[in-house]
Amino acid sequence: MRIAIAGLATSHPYTDARTLARHAELVVWEPDPERLRRFTDEHPDAKVTDGLDELLAGRPDGVVLTVPNPDVPGALGRVLETGVPCFVNKPAVASRTQLDALRRLPVHERVMSASVLRFAPAFAEVRADPRDVLSVRATVRHDVGLWADGYNAWQDTPGEGGGTMVTMGIHGVELLVALLGPEVRLVGAAGARRHYRTLRSEDTAVLALQWANGTVGTVEILGVSEDEAYTVTLHGRHGSESVVIESGADPVQGLGYAGTIEAFLGMVGGGPSPVPWAHTLAILEVLVSARERAATG
């Protein structure tokens, strides 16, 4: 099996590659020489290509796409022309212009994009009957201090990578949509810089959601945190139930990285996407709307 790593714009593809290397030959393309060097130091047997077209011309069995958000629609469009299964690392897009371009693409049934938390072992067995749920809450604790020093500034820029509200908020929205479905809309959003004053976006945010059946929900985003953890709480008539997703001794397993790659390889093997595209579009619509709402007040 040959898997193409198209872009190394975030930390995710490095983690993905460690798992994929146990199953496949790796082919990589990345325009930034430092990122590429980091990758080839770890995977010296990987074949390096000079561009996305050359990468795709090698007829890979699957593609992991991780380019900056403004470049995703164009790059994904080129991958779609090949018909090859594709995993687009999260979030696929982060602005209205990017989302509109994504909606115009002829996405087939073997394309997936999701937060890895959807495949975390602690969350995999969680089920919810929307008729019994009164409200839901997702709390995202993930420090964004790296951005305060200028690392990956495009991710912290609201109009490019979406900032904390989008890049970290997807984790909470993803989990709630996985449980309650894609018939959801944003009803409010707010963010603030409480600690990391040099950020271009926010370090703390909250999103208010409502599903078509009336269920309400909130996503809390705490970008100032000494630990990384994600909590989902379901509130019902007879009480509340919570699940916590943590890295544990093995973050690749505990946070769902391994499960995500397993799901991707199942798609490469011929199965449909394990994440309905309707879910992905609903999640991105909520996040883009939140970014817009926070900007306008």
Protein backbone atom coordinates (compact mmCIF):
# COMPACT_ATOMS: atom_id res chain seq x y z
CA MET A 1 0.00 0.00 0.00
CA ARG A 2 1.21 3.50 -0.80
CA ILE A 3 -0.11 6.46 1.20
CA ALA A 4 0.59 10.05 0.18
CA ILE A 5 1.11 12.70 2.85
CA ALA A 6 0.12 15.92 1.09
CA GLY A 7 1.33 18.75 3.27
CA LEU A 8 2.79 18.95 6.77
CA ALA A 9 1.19 22.21 7.86
CA THR A 10 0.34 21.09 11.42
CA SER A 11 1.55 18.50 13.92
CA HIS A 12 -1.11 15.96 12.93
CA PRO A 13 0.53 14.49 9.81
CA TYR A 14 3.69 13.65 11.74
CA THR A 15 1.61 11.67 14.22
CA ASP A 16 -0.44 10.13 11.41
CA ALA A 17 2.71 9.04 9.57
CA ARG A 18 4.05 7.09 12.55
CA THR A 19 0.93 4.94 12.47
CA LEU A 20 0.71 4.74 8.70
CA ALA A 21 4.36 3.67 8.37
CA ARG A 22 3.43 0.35 9.97
CA HIS A 23 1.00 -0.36 7.14
CA ALA A 24 2.21 1.41 4.01
CA GLU A 25 4.97 3.01 2.00
CA LEU A 26 4.94 6.77 2.48
CA VAL A 27 5.18 9.45 -0.19
CA VAL A 28 5.38 13.06 0.96
CA TRP A 29 5.10 16.58 -0.41
CA GLU A 30 5.71 19.72 1.65
CA PRO A 31 6.97 23.08 0.36
CA ASP A 32 8.52 24.17 3.67
CA PRO A 33 12.07 22.73 3.85
CA GLU A 34 12.25 22.66 7.65
CA ARG A 35 8.99 20.74 8.00
CA LEU A 36 10.04 18.35 5.26
CA ARG A 37 13.42 17.79 6.89
CA ARG A 38 11.76 16.96 10.19
CA PHE A 39 9.60 14.40 8.39
CA THR A 40 12.39 12.75 6.41
CA ASP A 41 14.62 12.56 9.47
CA GLU A 42 11.95 10.39 11.05
CA HIS A 43 10.99 8.54 7.84
CA PRO A 44 14.17 8.32 5.72
CA ASP A 45 12.59 5.75 3.40
CA ALA A 46 9.72 8.02 2.41
CA LYS A 47 9.70 9.15 -1.22
CA VAL A 48 9.78 12.94 -1.55
CA THR A 49 7.98 14.67 -4.45
CA ASP A 50 8.32 18.24 -5.67
CA GLY A 51 4.64 19.12 -5.83
CA LEU A 52 1.06 17.94 -5.35
CA ASP A 53 0.70 16.99 -9.01
CA GLU A 54 3.77 14.74 -8.86
CA LEU A 55 2.51 13.25 -5.59
CA LEU A 56 -0.83 12.34 -7.16
CA ALA A 57 0.76 11.14 -10.41
CA GLY A 58 2.34 8.33 -8.38
CA ARG A 59 -1.15 6.78 -8.02
CA PRO A 60 -1.24 6.46 -4.22
CA ASP A 61 -3.86 4.26 -2.57
CA GLY A 62 -4.87 7.06 -0.23
CA VAL A 63 -4.08 10.68 0.58
CA VAL A 64 -3.76 12.48 3.92
CA LEU A 65 -4.20 16.17 3.13
CA THR A 66 -2.80 18.75 5.56
CA VAL A 67 -2.29 22.14 3.96
CA PRO A 68 -3.18 25.58 5.38
CA ASN A 69 -6.95 26.15 5.36
CA PRO A 70 -6.99 28.68 2.48
CA ASP A 71 -5.37 26.05 0.26
CA VAL A 72 -7.66 23.13 1.15
CA PRO A 73 -10.45 23.60 -1.45
CA GLY A 74 -7.99 23.86 -4.33
CA ALA A 75 -5.84 20.96 -3.16
CA LEU A 76 -8.81 18.74 -2.36
CA GLY A 77 -10.27 19.48 -5.77
CA ARG A 78 -7.14 18.08 -7.38
CA VAL A 79 -7.25 14.99 -5.18
CA LEU A 80 -10.93 14.45 -6.02
CA GLU A 81 -10.09 14.32 -9.72
CA THR A 82 -8.10 11.14 -9.05
CA GLY A 83 -10.89 9.38 -7.16
CA VAL A 84 -8.40 8.38 -4.46
CA PRO A 85 -9.69 8.13 -0.85
CA CYS A 86 -8.72 11.23 1.11
CA PHE A 87 -8.51 12.20 4.76
CA VAL A 88 -8.50 15.98 5.22
CA ASN A 89 -7.00 16.88 8.59
CA LYS A 90 -9.18 19.17 10.72
CA PRO A 91 -10.53 21.74 10.35
CA ALA A 92 -10.95 21.49 6.59
CA VAL A 93 -11.82 25.18 6.29
CA ALA A 94 -12.06 28.17 8.60
CA SER A 95 -13.81 31.04 6.78
CA ARG A 96 -17.00 31.64 4.78
CA THR A 97 -15.09 31.99 1.52
CA GLN A 98 -13.26 28.72 2.13
CA LEU A 99 -16.47 26.92 3.14
CA ASP A 100 -18.35 28.13 0.06
CA ALA A 101 -15.50 26.82 -2.12
CA LEU A 102 -15.58 23.47 -0.28
CA ARG A 103 -19.34 23.12 -0.81
CA ARG A 104 -18.85 23.47 -4.58
CA LEU A 105 -16.52 20.45 -4.78
CA PRO A 106 -17.86 17.09 -6.04
CA VAL A 107 -17.01 15.22 -2.84
CA HIS A 108 -17.42 11.45 -3.19
CA GLU A 109 -18.17 8.85 -0.53
CA ARG A 110 -14.52 8.11 0.26
CA VAL A 111 -13.56 11.52 1.65
CA MET A 112 -13.44 12.15 5.39
CA SER A 113 -12.56 15.06 7.65
CA ALA A 114 -12.97 15.04 11.41
CA SER A 115 -11.45 15.69 14.78
CA VAL A 116 -9.54 12.64 15.96
CA LEU A 117 -11.59 12.71 19.17
CA ARG A 118 -14.50 11.16 17.30
CA PHE A 119 -12.42 7.96 17.29
CA ALA A 120 -11.07 8.17 20.85
CA PRO A 121 -11.69 4.93 22.79
CA ALA A 122 -13.36 6.77 25.68
CA PHE A 123 -15.91 8.28 23.28
CA ALA A 124 -16.42 5.35 20.91
CA GLU A 125 -19.09 3.66 23.03
CA VAL A 126 -20.99 6.80 24.02
CA ARG A 127 -24.55 6.85 22.71
CA ALA A 128 -27.32 9.39 23.07
CA ASP A 129 -31.03 9.24 22.31
CA PRO A 130 -31.84 12.77 21.13
CA ARG A 131 -35.37 12.39 22.49
CA ASP A 132 -34.03 11.99 26.03
CA VAL A 133 -31.33 14.67 25.97
CA LEU A 134 -32.31 18.12 27.27
CA SER A 135 -28.94 19.80 26.80
CA VAL A 136 -25.30 18.96 26.12
CA ARG A 137 -21.98 20.52 26.98
CA ALA A 138 -18.49 19.98 25.57
CA THR A 139 -15.45 21.44 27.31
CA VAL A 140 -12.20 21.68 25.37
CA ARG A 141 -9.00 22.18 27.36
CA HIS A 142 -6.04 22.65 24.99
CA ASP A 143 -3.35 25.26 25.53
CA VAL A 144 -2.64 27.63 22.62
CA GLY A 145 0.44 29.28 24.09
CA LEU A 146 2.60 28.23 21.11
CA TRP A 147 0.70 30.66 18.91
CA ALA A 148 1.45 33.53 21.29
CA ASP A 149 5.09 33.37 20.15
CA GLY A 150 4.17 33.37 16.47
CA TYR A 151 4.26 29.63 15.78
CA ASN A 152 2.00 28.73 12.82
CA ALA A 153 0.64 32.26 12.76
CA TRP A 154 -1.80 31.34 9.97
CA GLN A 155 -3.69 29.06 12.38
CA ASP A 156 -4.10 31.90 14.85
CA THR A 157 -5.30 34.32 12.16
CA PRO A 158 -9.13 34.36 12.11
CA GLY A 159 -9.46 34.83 8.34
CA GLU A 160 -6.97 32.08 7.50
CA GLY A 161 -6.92 29.26 10.06
CA GLY A 162 -9.81 30.44 12.18
CA GLY A 163 -7.95 30.98 15.43
CA THR A 164 -8.70 29.23 18.70
CA MET A 165 -12.47 29.35 18.24
CA VAL A 166 -12.30 27.26 15.07
CA THR A 167 -9.14 25.17 15.43
CA MET A 168 -9.86 24.10 19.01
CA GLY A 169 -13.61 24.56 18.91
CA ILE A 170 -13.97 21.83 16.31
CA HIS A 171 -13.16 19.23 18.95
CA GLY A 172 -16.23 20.10 21.00
CA VAL A 173 -18.61 20.65 18.08
CA GLU A 174 -17.45 17.39 16.46
CA LEU A 175 -18.29 15.35 19.54
CA LEU A 176 -21.74 16.89 19.96
CA VAL A 177 -22.66 16.47 16.28
CA ALA A 178 -21.43 12.86 16.40
CA LEU A 179 -23.90 12.27 19.25
CA LEU A 180 -26.92 14.33 18.20
CA GLY A 181 -26.64 14.67 14.44
CA PRO A 182 -26.05 17.46 11.91
CA GLU A 183 -29.37 19.33 12.22
CA VAL A 184 -27.74 22.02 14.33
CA ARG A 185 -27.23 25.77 14.14
CA LEU A 186 -25.21 28.35 16.01
CA VAL A 187 -27.21 30.69 18.24
CA GLY A 188 -24.37 32.58 19.92
CA ALA A 189 -20.60 32.91 20.27
CA ALA A 190 -18.09 34.98 22.19
CA GLY A 191 -14.34 34.96 22.72
CA ALA A 192 -11.69 36.86 24.67
CA ARG A 193 -7.93 37.15 25.19
CA ARG A 194 -7.54 36.62 28.92
CA HIS A 195 -3.93 35.46 29.21
CA TYR A 196 -2.04 35.24 25.89
CA ARG A 197 -2.23 38.92 24.92
CA THR A 198 -0.15 38.57 21.74
CA LEU A 199 -2.59 36.17 20.06
CA ARG A 200 -4.33 37.23 16.87
CA SER A 201 -7.46 35.38 17.96
CA GLU A 202 -8.73 34.44 21.42
CA ASP A 203 -7.61 32.11 24.20
CA THR A 204 -11.08 31.56 25.67
CA ALA A 205 -14.42 31.14 23.90
CA VAL A 206 -17.93 29.77 24.17
CA LEU A 207 -20.39 28.64 21.48
CA ALA A 208 -24.14 28.18 21.97
CA LEU A 209 -25.89 25.63 19.74
CA GLN A 210 -29.43 24.40 19.10
CA TRP A 211 -30.62 21.29 17.27
CA ALA A 212 -33.75 21.14 15.15
CA ASN A 213 -35.59 19.18 17.86
CA GLY A 214 -34.95 21.94 20.40
CA THR A 215 -31.99 20.43 22.26
CA VAL A 216 -29.53 23.12 23.31
CA GLY A 217 -25.79 22.82 23.82
CA THR A 218 -22.65 24.71 24.65
CA VAL A 219 -19.00 24.33 23.71
CA GLU A 220 -16.46 25.84 26.09
CA ILE A 221 -12.95 26.40 24.71
CA LEU A 222 -10.17 26.91 27.25
CA GLY A 223 -6.95 27.72 25.46
CA VAL A 224 -5.11 28.47 28.70
CA SER A 225 -4.62 25.11 30.35
CA GLU A 226 -1.86 23.08 31.99
CA ASP A 227 -3.41 19.83 30.78
CA GLU A 228 -5.19 18.59 27.66
CA ALA A 229 -8.60 17.04 28.18
CA TYR A 230 -12.04 17.01 26.60
CA THR A 231 -15.30 16.49 28.47
CA VAL A 232 -18.79 15.83 27.14
CA THR A 233 -21.78 16.02 29.46
CA LEU A 234 -25.30 14.90 28.57
CA HIS A 235 -28.09 16.34 30.68
CA GLY A 236 -31.37 14.43 30.79
CA ARG A 237 -34.52 14.23 32.85
CA HIS A 238 -33.06 11.63 35.18
CA GLY A 239 -29.63 13.15 35.66
CA SER A 240 -26.37 13.86 33.89
CA GLU A 241 -23.67 11.67 32.39
CA SER A 242 -20.12 12.76 31.54
CA VAL A 243 -17.23 11.26 29.63
CA VAL A 244 -13.67 12.58 29.72
CA ILE A 245 -11.20 12.05 26.88
CA GLU A 246 -7.56 12.29 27.97
CA SER A 247 -4.22 11.38 26.45
CA GLY A 248 -3.31 8.85 29.11
CA ALA A 249 -0.08 6.88 28.81
CA ASP A 250 -0.40 6.71 25.01
CA PRO A 251 -1.83 9.89 23.43
CA VAL A 252 -1.96 8.29 19.97
CA GLN A 253 -4.44 5.77 21.33
CA GLY A 254 -6.13 7.85 24.01
CA LEU A 255 -6.89 10.90 21.88
CA GLY A 256 -8.05 8.92 18.86
CA TYR A 257 -5.16 9.35 16.41
CA ALA A 258 -4.78 5.60 15.97
CA GLY A 259 -8.52 5.09 15.62
CA THR A 260 -8.71 7.81 12.98
CA ILE A 261 -6.00 6.20 10.86
CA GLU A 262 -7.66 2.81 11.29
CA ALA A 263 -10.90 4.33 9.99
CA PHE A 264 -9.05 5.97 7.10
CA LEU A 265 -7.37 2.69 6.13
CA GLY A 266 -10.77 1.01 6.17
CA MET A 267 -11.88 3.60 3.62
CA VAL A 268 -8.72 3.00 1.57
CA GLY A 269 -9.62 -0.69 1.64
CA GLY A 270 -12.88 0.03 -0.14
CA GLY A 271 -15.32 1.14 2.53
CA PRO A 272 -17.25 4.41 2.58
CA SER A 273 -16.24 7.34 4.75
CA PRO A 274 -16.84 6.62 8.45
CA VAL A 275 -17.79 10.30 8.89
CA PRO A 276 -20.81 11.45 6.87
CA TRP A 277 -19.95 14.50 4.78
CA ALA A 278 -23.18 16.09 6.04
CA HIS A 279 -21.68 15.96 9.55
CA THR A 280 -18.48 17.64 8.38
CA LEU A 281 -20.34 20.44 6.60
CA ALA A 282 -22.63 21.02 9.59
CA ILE A 283 -19.65 21.24 11.95
CA LEU A 284 -17.80 23.65 9.68
CA GLU A 285 -20.93 25.80 9.25
CA VAL A 286 -21.22 26.15 13.04
CA LEU A 287 -17.54 27.05 13.40
CA VAL A 288 -17.49 29.55 10.53
CA SER A 289 -20.68 31.14 11.85
CA ALA A 290 -19.12 31.38 15.31
CA ARG A 291 -16.05 33.08 13.85
CA GLU A 292 -18.30 35.58 12.09
CA ARG A 293 -20.50 36.16 15.14
CA ALA A 294 -17.51 36.78 17.40
CA ALA A 295 -16.07 39.25 14.91
CA THR A 296 -19.25 41.31 14.64
CA GLY A 297 -20.45 40.97 18.22
